[in-house]
Amino acid sequence: MDILPILATLKRHKTAAGLIVLQVALTCAIVCNALFLITQRIERISESNGMAESEIVMLNMSGLSRSKDPDATTRGDLEALRRLQGVKSVTVINQLPYANNFNSSSIRIKPEPLGVGEKSINAANYFGSEGWLQTMGLNLVAGRDFSVDEYLNLSDAEKATSPVIPSIIINRALAERLFPKMEAVGQSVYVFGSTPTRVVGVVERLVSPQPGGTANSHLYSMVFPVRPHFRGGSYLLRAEPSQREAVLSAAVAEMMKVDGQRVVREKALFSDLRAKYYRQDVNMAWLLGCVCLALLAVTAFGIVGLASFWVQQRTRMIGTRRAMGASQGQILRYFQTENFLLTTVGIVLGMVAAYGISLLLMRSYELPRLPLFYLPVGAVALWLLGQIAVWAPARRAAALPPVAALRA
């Protein structure tokens, strides 16, 4: 019964009503997209890497002079690091997640040349020495680890025109992409030239060195039984979480004792590498969250200010309605209904704008399309915000005594 009087009143106050509608629309459009971007950042930050990250430390060194036999030097380093107290296992690896380098190779299930419409898949290639699986803490879900006779030195592989690497271990995402309808273990793939490499194992999860990209290729990883030397790799040590810093300090001291003509290029806890890698995403999530809160606060204050102004302007109308028998609940409901109508119009316009902004972000920054789920979530949030914001002015209007309102 209040709809027609409300519409008639809003028609006389087009400017004020229009400002609230535009404010709600702008807030709806920005908040929906901001919430989606925040969710994306949180999912990216919390993505599992499959590793025992709370137990791993990393040490990267380089020599002041060129080593005559880097492979022998690396073997000596590994033996020295294994003897350290608190060390569970040690390996040397060419790259690791959240680092600056990124090495990848194409992998396919057929030798070249590929047929029409057939494409190779790009995947991160990890080279690891013995103990890589235990040190990284990966979960082997199918097949086996590399045997001792399958390993070869990276320096020997680099000398070969077409290196023969007989075995490979891939992560589950890559296995499902390559062999969606069959078991990956035992299948042959092609990475280096036309020589087939047999899949001997599948790990549950192993992200690429730079995870969190927009394309699915950052999910695919493969490991080869190739031993890097210290000049082209990093030492990984696994220890108890409470002993990581002590183990890292002892490892640096031991390496300098073995050869004082080397420089520590980088040393870090693996968890610190992850935190540093995602620092920009964390800052962006906080920034977008603050923008959402600021917009919601401005919208709420705008609704409160407009409602208070209209209560003051309609004091005589309120008194007349109260004198004619209107209850406090009816007066309260009148202002809430009025706010609901304005908010609804603003939400409808905001949903259209939110979808338009999403399409613009897709084209400019290769972001995924805004899921429609966020539109009703934003609508409900703004409806609740509008009702909460108008509550206090509406209560003051409903509490006005009829005589006082008519005198005013």
Protein backbone atom coordinates (compact mmCIF):
# COMPACT_ATOMS: atom_id res chain seq x y z
CA MET A 1 0.00 0.00 0.00
CA ASP A 2 3.00 2.32 0.52
CA ILE A 3 4.47 1.76 -2.97
CA LEU A 4 2.49 4.44 -4.82
CA PRO A 5 3.06 7.18 -2.19
CA ILE A 6 6.75 6.27 -2.11
CA LEU A 7 7.06 6.51 -5.89
CA ALA A 8 5.24 9.83 -5.87
CA THR A 9 7.61 11.16 -3.20
CA LEU A 10 10.72 9.92 -5.03
CA LYS A 11 9.48 11.56 -8.22
CA ARG A 12 9.57 14.91 -6.43
CA HIS A 13 13.14 14.23 -5.21
CA LYS A 14 14.71 12.89 -8.39
CA THR A 15 18.18 14.31 -7.80
CA ALA A 16 18.66 12.90 -4.30
CA ALA A 17 17.16 9.55 -5.26
CA GLY A 18 19.29 9.38 -8.40
CA LEU A 19 22.48 10.04 -6.44
CA ILE A 20 21.77 7.15 -4.08
CA VAL A 21 20.93 4.84 -7.00
CA LEU A 22 24.19 5.74 -8.77
CA GLN A 23 26.18 5.31 -5.57
CA VAL A 24 24.70 1.85 -4.98
CA ALA A 25 25.29 0.90 -8.64
CA LEU A 26 28.93 1.99 -8.53
CA THR A 27 29.50 0.16 -5.26
CA CYS A 28 27.85 -2.99 -6.59
CA ALA A 29 29.91 -2.99 -9.80
CA ILE A 30 33.24 -2.44 -8.07
CA VAL A 31 32.64 -4.63 -5.02
CA CYS A 32 31.52 -7.66 -7.08
CA ASN A 33 34.65 -7.55 -9.24
CA ALA A 34 36.91 -6.75 -6.28
CA LEU A 35 35.57 -9.72 -4.29
CA PHE A 36 36.20 -11.96 -7.28
CA LEU A 37 39.78 -10.70 -7.61
CA ILE A 38 40.35 -11.16 -3.87
CA THR A 39 39.06 -14.74 -4.08
CA GLN A 40 41.41 -15.40 -6.98
CA ARG A 41 44.36 -14.05 -5.02
CA ILE A 42 43.48 -16.15 -1.96
CA GLU A 43 43.17 -19.30 -4.08
CA ARG A 44 46.53 -18.54 -5.70
CA ILE A 45 48.23 -17.91 -2.34
CA SER A 46 46.80 -21.08 -0.73
CA GLU A 47 47.56 -23.34 -3.70
CA SER A 48 49.33 -26.50 -2.56
CA ASN A 49 52.77 -27.15 -4.03
CA GLY A 50 52.94 -30.81 -2.99
CA MET A 51 56.18 -30.31 -1.05
CA ALA A 52 57.08 -30.52 2.63
CA GLU A 53 57.64 -26.77 2.63
CA SER A 54 57.80 -26.43 6.42
CA GLU A 55 60.90 -28.71 6.50
CA ILE A 56 62.97 -27.54 3.52
CA VAL A 57 65.82 -25.05 3.32
CA MET A 58 67.65 -23.93 0.18
CA LEU A 59 71.30 -23.06 -0.36
CA ASN A 60 72.72 -21.70 -3.61
CA MET A 61 76.48 -21.23 -4.06
CA SER A 62 78.95 -20.25 -6.75
CA GLY A 63 82.72 -20.49 -6.96
CA LEU A 64 85.16 -17.60 -7.21
CA SER A 65 87.17 -19.70 -9.67
CA ARG A 66 86.08 -22.29 -12.20
CA SER A 67 86.00 -25.80 -10.75
CA LYS A 68 87.94 -28.41 -12.71
CA ASP A 69 85.39 -31.11 -11.85
CA PRO A 70 82.06 -29.59 -10.72
CA ASP A 71 80.41 -33.02 -10.56
CA ALA A 72 83.00 -34.29 -8.06
CA THR A 73 82.70 -31.06 -6.07
CA THR A 74 78.93 -31.46 -5.92
CA ARG A 75 79.23 -35.08 -4.73
CA GLY A 76 81.57 -33.97 -1.95
CA ASP A 77 79.21 -31.19 -0.92
CA LEU A 78 76.27 -33.59 -0.71
CA GLU A 79 78.23 -36.02 1.45
CA ALA A 80 79.25 -33.21 3.79
CA LEU A 81 75.70 -31.90 4.05
CA ARG A 82 74.28 -35.36 4.79
CA ARG A 83 76.57 -35.65 7.82
CA LEU A 84 75.18 -32.50 9.44
CA GLN A 85 73.15 -33.01 12.58
CA GLY A 86 69.39 -32.67 12.04
CA VAL A 87 69.52 -33.24 8.28
CA LYS A 88 67.04 -35.88 7.07
CA SER A 89 67.96 -35.87 3.39
CA VAL A 90 69.77 -33.73 0.81
CA THR A 91 69.57 -33.28 -2.94
CA VAL A 92 70.67 -30.87 -5.63
CA ILE A 93 68.07 -29.58 -8.05
CA ASN A 94 68.19 -27.27 -11.06
CA GLN A 95 65.21 -25.12 -10.01
CA LEU A 96 62.50 -24.99 -7.39
CA PRO A 97 59.10 -23.34 -6.95
CA TYR A 98 58.93 -19.63 -6.12
CA ALA A 99 62.42 -18.98 -7.50
CA ASN A 100 63.52 -16.56 -10.20
CA ASN A 101 64.47 -19.11 -12.85
CA PHE A 102 62.03 -21.06 -15.01
CA ASN A 103 63.12 -23.92 -17.27
CA SER A 104 60.53 -25.79 -19.29
CA SER A 105 60.35 -28.17 -22.21
CA SER A 106 57.68 -29.41 -24.57
CA ILE A 107 56.42 -32.93 -24.00
CA ARG A 108 54.34 -35.01 -26.39
CA ILE A 109 53.17 -38.58 -26.80
CA LYS A 110 54.27 -38.89 -30.44
CA PRO A 111 57.61 -38.18 -32.09
CA GLU A 112 57.93 -35.20 -34.36
CA PRO A 113 56.60 -34.14 -36.77
CA LEU A 114 53.18 -33.79 -35.18
CA GLY A 115 50.00 -34.27 -37.17
CA VAL A 116 47.47 -31.61 -38.05
CA GLY A 117 45.79 -30.28 -34.93
CA GLU A 118 48.25 -32.03 -32.59
CA LYS A 119 50.13 -29.87 -30.11
CA SER A 120 52.90 -30.45 -27.63
CA ILE A 121 52.44 -29.47 -23.99
CA ASN A 122 54.82 -27.17 -22.19
CA ALA A 123 55.86 -28.33 -18.71
CA ALA A 124 58.45 -27.33 -16.12
CA ASN A 125 61.46 -29.66 -16.21
CA TYR A 126 63.15 -30.45 -12.91
CA PHE A 127 66.56 -32.14 -12.78
CA GLY A 128 67.24 -33.79 -9.43
CA SER A 129 69.92 -36.00 -7.95
CA GLU A 130 69.33 -39.03 -5.74
CA GLY A 131 67.05 -38.30 -2.80
CA TRP A 132 65.04 -35.59 -4.57
CA LEU A 133 61.72 -37.32 -3.87
CA GLN A 134 62.34 -37.70 -0.13
CA THR A 135 63.89 -34.25 0.27
CA MET A 136 61.06 -32.45 -1.48
CA GLY A 137 58.48 -34.54 0.40
CA LEU A 138 56.45 -35.36 -2.70
CA ASN A 139 53.75 -38.02 -2.64
CA LEU A 140 54.31 -40.75 -5.23
CA VAL A 141 50.83 -42.00 -6.17
CA ALA A 142 51.77 -44.38 -8.99
CA GLY A 143 54.86 -46.19 -10.19
CA ARG A 144 58.28 -45.93 -8.57
CA ASP A 145 61.22 -43.63 -7.92
CA PHE A 146 64.25 -43.60 -10.21
CA SER A 147 66.73 -46.44 -9.78
CA VAL A 148 70.43 -45.72 -9.20
CA ASP A 149 71.48 -46.81 -12.70
CA GLU A 150 69.01 -44.38 -14.33
CA TYR A 151 70.80 -41.24 -13.11
CA LEU A 152 73.27 -39.35 -15.26
CA ASN A 153 75.22 -36.14 -14.78
CA LEU A 154 73.95 -32.94 -16.35
CA SER A 155 77.43 -32.16 -17.68
CA ASP A 156 77.43 -35.47 -19.61
CA ALA A 157 73.92 -34.86 -20.94
CA GLU A 158 74.93 -31.39 -22.16
CA LYS A 159 77.81 -32.85 -24.15
CA ALA A 160 75.56 -35.29 -25.99
CA THR A 161 73.95 -34.16 -29.25
CA SER A 162 70.72 -35.98 -28.39
CA PRO A 163 70.79 -37.05 -24.73
CA VAL A 164 69.14 -40.36 -23.90
CA ILE A 165 67.13 -40.11 -20.69
CA PRO A 166 65.34 -43.44 -20.24
CA SER A 167 62.85 -42.49 -17.53
CA ILE A 168 60.73 -39.61 -16.31
CA ILE A 169 58.36 -38.88 -13.42
CA ILE A 170 55.46 -36.49 -14.01
CA ASN A 171 52.84 -34.90 -11.79
CA ARG A 172 49.20 -36.00 -11.81
CA ALA A 173 47.97 -32.94 -13.73
CA LEU A 174 50.35 -33.68 -16.59
CA ALA A 175 49.53 -37.40 -16.50
CA GLU A 176 45.81 -36.69 -16.82
CA ARG A 177 46.45 -34.26 -19.67
CA LEU A 178 48.68 -36.65 -21.62
CA PHE A 179 46.81 -39.88 -20.89
CA PRO A 180 43.23 -39.01 -19.90
CA LYS A 181 41.88 -42.53 -20.50
CA MET A 182 44.77 -44.77 -19.40
CA GLU A 183 47.44 -45.21 -16.76
CA ALA A 184 50.46 -42.98 -17.37
CA VAL A 185 53.02 -45.35 -15.81
CA GLY A 186 54.65 -47.44 -18.51
CA GLN A 187 53.73 -45.08 -21.35
CA SER A 188 56.33 -43.46 -23.60
CA VAL A 189 56.69 -39.70 -24.09
CA TYR A 190 59.01 -37.56 -26.18
CA VAL A 191 60.89 -34.61 -24.71
CA PHE A 192 64.41 -34.53 -26.14
CA GLY A 193 64.35 -35.35 -29.83
CA SER A 194 62.88 -38.55 -31.21
CA THR A 195 64.11 -40.87 -28.46
CA PRO A 196 61.23 -42.08 -26.27
CA THR A 197 61.31 -41.68 -22.51
CA ARG A 198 59.29 -44.00 -20.31
CA VAL A 199 57.06 -42.71 -17.52
CA VAL A 200 58.03 -44.65 -14.38
CA GLY A 201 56.14 -42.68 -11.74
CA VAL A 202 53.47 -40.08 -11.00
CA VAL A 203 53.57 -37.67 -8.06
CA GLU A 204 50.38 -36.24 -6.60
CA ARG A 205 51.39 -32.62 -7.00
CA LEU A 206 54.43 -30.60 -8.02
CA VAL A 207 53.91 -27.01 -9.17
CA SER A 208 56.09 -25.19 -11.64
CA PRO A 209 58.83 -22.75 -10.50
CA GLN A 210 56.41 -19.86 -11.08
CA PRO A 211 52.97 -21.14 -10.09
CA GLY A 212 49.70 -19.26 -10.26
CA GLY A 213 49.69 -18.26 -13.92
CA THR A 214 46.54 -17.66 -15.93
CA ALA A 215 47.17 -20.63 -18.23
CA ASN A 216 47.00 -24.28 -17.16
CA SER A 217 50.61 -24.87 -18.25
CA HIS A 218 51.87 -23.71 -14.84
CA LEU A 219 50.30 -26.86 -13.37
CA TYR A 220 52.41 -29.28 -15.41
CA SER A 221 55.78 -30.50 -14.16
CA MET A 222 58.17 -33.36 -14.91
CA VAL A 223 61.30 -34.64 -13.19
CA PHE A 224 64.34 -36.23 -14.86
CA PRO A 225 67.04 -38.39 -13.21
CA VAL A 226 69.73 -35.85 -14.07
CA ARG A 227 72.24 -34.64 -11.47
CA PRO A 228 72.91 -30.88 -11.70
CA HIS A 229 76.17 -29.60 -10.28
CA PHE A 230 76.40 -26.78 -7.76
CA ARG A 231 77.07 -24.13 -10.44
CA GLY A 232 73.70 -24.77 -12.09
CA GLY A 233 71.59 -25.92 -9.17
CA SER A 234 70.61 -25.42 -5.57
CA TYR A 235 71.09 -27.65 -2.55
CA LEU A 236 67.89 -28.62 -0.80
CA LEU A 237 68.03 -29.91 2.76
CA ARG A 238 65.16 -31.38 4.72
CA ALA A 239 65.07 -31.06 8.50
CA GLU A 240 62.60 -30.74 11.33
CA PRO A 241 60.70 -27.41 11.20
CA SER A 242 62.20 -26.26 14.49
CA GLN A 243 65.76 -26.99 13.30
CA ARG A 244 65.62 -25.40 9.85
CA GLU A 245 67.46 -22.20 10.69
CA ALA A 246 70.16 -24.04 12.64
CA VAL A 247 70.61 -26.53 9.79
CA LEU A 248 70.84 -23.71 7.23
CA SER A 249 73.52 -21.90 9.24
CA ALA A 250 75.45 -25.15 9.75
CA ALA A 251 75.20 -25.92 6.02
CA VAL A 252 76.69 -22.53 5.09
CA ALA A 253 79.52 -22.99 7.58
CA GLU A 254 80.23 -26.52 6.31
CA MET A 255 80.33 -25.42 2.67
CA MET A 256 82.79 -22.65 3.48
CA LYS A 257 84.91 -25.16 5.40
CA VAL A 258 84.96 -27.48 2.38
CA ASP A 259 85.91 -24.68 0.00
CA GLY A 260 86.48 -21.14 1.18
CA GLN A 261 86.71 -19.89 -2.41
CA ARG A 262 82.93 -19.96 -2.84
CA VAL A 263 80.23 -17.39 -2.31
CA VAL A 264 76.74 -17.95 -0.93
CA ARG A 265 74.42 -16.53 -3.58
CA GLU A 266 71.19 -17.28 -1.76
CA LYS A 267 70.06 -19.08 1.37
CA ALA A 268 66.50 -19.22 2.62
CA LEU A 269 63.78 -21.24 4.27
CA PHE A 270 61.48 -22.59 1.59
CA SER A 271 58.47 -21.13 3.41
CA ASP A 272 60.11 -17.69 3.23
CA LEU A 273 60.57 -18.09 -0.53
CA ARG A 274 56.86 -18.79 -0.86
CA ALA A 275 55.90 -15.80 1.31
CA LYS A 276 58.15 -13.51 -0.75
CA TYR A 277 56.74 -14.85 -4.02
CA TYR A 278 53.14 -14.14 -2.97
CA ARG A 279 53.81 -10.84 -1.19
CA GLN A 280 52.41 -8.79 -4.06
CA ASP A 281 49.25 -10.92 -4.14
CA VAL A 282 48.76 -10.46 -0.39
CA ASN A 283 49.18 -6.70 -0.70
CA MET A 284 46.74 -6.60 -3.62
CA ALA A 285 44.14 -8.60 -1.66
CA TRP A 286 44.42 -6.21 1.30
CA LEU A 287 44.19 -3.18 -1.00
CA LEU A 288 41.07 -4.49 -2.73
CA GLY A 289 39.54 -5.38 0.64
CA CYS A 290 40.11 -1.84 1.91
CA VAL A 291 38.56 -0.43 -1.28
CA CYS A 292 35.47 -2.60 -0.76
CA LEU A 293 35.11 -1.53 2.88
CA ALA A 294 35.59 2.14 1.96
CA LEU A 295 32.94 1.97 -0.77
CA LEU A 296 30.48 0.18 1.50
CA ALA A 297 31.09 2.73 4.26
CA VAL A 298 30.57 5.67 1.89
CA THR A 299 27.37 4.10 0.57
CA ALA A 300 26.09 3.45 4.08
CA PHE A 301 26.80 7.04 5.18
CA GLY A 302 25.11 8.31 2.03
CA ILE A 303 21.95 6.31 2.80
CA VAL A 304 21.96 7.49 6.43
CA GLY A 305 22.43 11.11 5.39
CA LEU A 306 19.68 10.99 2.77
CA ALA A 307 17.26 9.18 5.08
CA SER A 308 17.91 11.69 7.88
CA PHE A 309 17.35 14.57 5.48
CA TRP A 310 14.09 13.09 4.22
CA VAL A 311 12.86 12.44 7.77
CA GLN A 312 13.42 16.10 8.56
CA GLN A 313 11.66 17.17 5.35
CA ARG A 314 8.67 14.91 5.97
CA THR A 315 8.10 15.56 9.63
CA ARG A 316 4.61 16.99 9.03
CA MET A 317 3.67 14.05 6.78
CA ILE A 318 4.81 11.64 9.49
CA GLY A 319 2.75 13.49 12.09
CA THR A 320 -0.33 13.45 9.84
CA ARG A 321 -0.04 9.70 9.25
CA ARG A 322 0.48 9.04 12.95
CA ALA A 323 -2.57 11.21 13.79
CA MET A 324 -4.61 9.18 11.30
CA GLY A 325 -3.71 5.97 13.08
CA ALA A 326 -0.46 4.80 11.48
CA SER A 327 1.64 2.76 13.89
CA GLN A 328 5.38 3.15 14.49
CA GLY A 329 5.92 -0.11 12.62
CA GLN A 330 4.15 1.25 9.53
CA ILE A 331 6.27 4.42 9.54
CA LEU A 332 9.40 2.32 9.96
CA ARG A 333 8.32 0.01 7.15
CA TYR A 334 7.65 2.99 4.87
CA PHE A 335 11.25 4.20 4.98
CA GLN A 336 12.65 0.68 4.74
CA THR A 337 10.55 0.00 1.64
CA GLU A 338 11.64 3.26 0.10
CA ASN A 339 15.30 2.37 0.68
CA PHE A 340 14.74 -1.13 -0.66
CA LEU A 341 13.35 0.23 -3.92
CA LEU A 342 16.25 2.64 -4.40
CA THR A 343 18.80 -0.05 -3.57
CA THR A 344 17.16 -2.51 -5.95
CA VAL A 345 17.35 -0.09 -8.88
CA GLY A 346 20.98 0.64 -8.03
CA ILE A 347 21.78 -3.10 -7.77
CA VAL A 348 20.26 -3.84 -11.19
CA LEU A 349 22.35 -1.10 -12.79
CA GLY A 350 25.38 -2.21 -10.79
CA MET A 351 25.06 -5.82 -11.98
CA VAL A 352 25.11 -4.70 -15.60
CA ALA A 353 28.13 -2.48 -14.90
CA ALA A 354 29.88 -5.29 -12.97
CA TYR A 355 29.57 -7.63 -15.92
CA GLY A 356 30.81 -4.92 -18.29
CA ILE A 357 33.86 -4.26 -16.09
CA SER A 358 34.54 -8.00 -16.01
CA LEU A 359 34.54 -8.19 -19.81
CA LEU A 360 36.91 -5.22 -19.94
CA LEU A 361 39.30 -6.89 -17.47
CA MET A 362 39.16 -10.10 -19.53
CA ARG A 363 40.29 -8.30 -22.66
CA SER A 364 42.91 -6.07 -21.02
CA TYR A 365 44.47 -8.39 -18.42
CA GLU A 366 43.51 -11.93 -19.53
CA LEU A 367 41.46 -12.49 -16.38
CA PRO A 368 38.66 -15.06 -16.25
CA ARG A 369 35.07 -13.90 -16.56
CA LEU A 370 33.27 -12.85 -13.40
CA PRO A 371 31.19 -15.84 -12.17
CA LEU A 372 27.50 -14.98 -11.94
CA PHE A 373 27.56 -16.23 -8.35
CA TYR A 374 29.12 -12.95 -7.22
CA LEU A 375 26.20 -10.84 -8.49
CA PRO A 376 23.55 -12.18 -6.06
CA VAL A 377 26.12 -12.13 -3.27
CA GLY A 378 26.77 -8.44 -3.91
CA ALA A 379 23.03 -7.76 -4.18
CA VAL A 380 22.26 -9.39 -0.82
CA ALA A 381 25.14 -7.53 0.82
CA LEU A 382 23.91 -4.16 -0.46
CA TRP A 383 20.29 -4.89 0.47
CA LEU A 384 21.38 -5.70 4.02
CA LEU A 385 23.65 -2.67 4.12
CA GLY A 386 20.79 -0.42 2.96
CA GLN A 387 18.37 -1.76 5.56
CA ILE A 388 20.90 -1.42 8.37
CA ALA A 389 21.85 2.10 7.28
CA VAL A 390 18.25 3.33 7.10
CA TRP A 391 17.24 1.71 10.40
CA ALA A 392 18.32 4.52 12.75
CA PRO A 393 16.74 7.44 10.79
CA ALA A 394 13.58 5.41 10.25
CA ARG A 395 13.35 4.64 13.98
CA ARG A 396 13.69 8.31 14.80
CA ALA A 397 10.89 9.08 12.35
CA ALA A 398 8.66 6.38 13.80
CA ALA A 399 9.29 7.60 17.35
CA LEU A 400 8.08 11.16 16.63
CA PRO A 401 4.91 11.94 18.68
CA PRO A 402 2.06 13.01 16.36
CA VAL A 403 1.55 16.35 18.16
CA ALA A 404 5.26 17.27 18.01
CA ALA A 405 5.45 16.27 14.35
CA LEU A 406 2.41 18.40 13.43
CA ARG A 407 3.78 21.42 15.32
CA ALA A 408 7.04 21.14 13.44
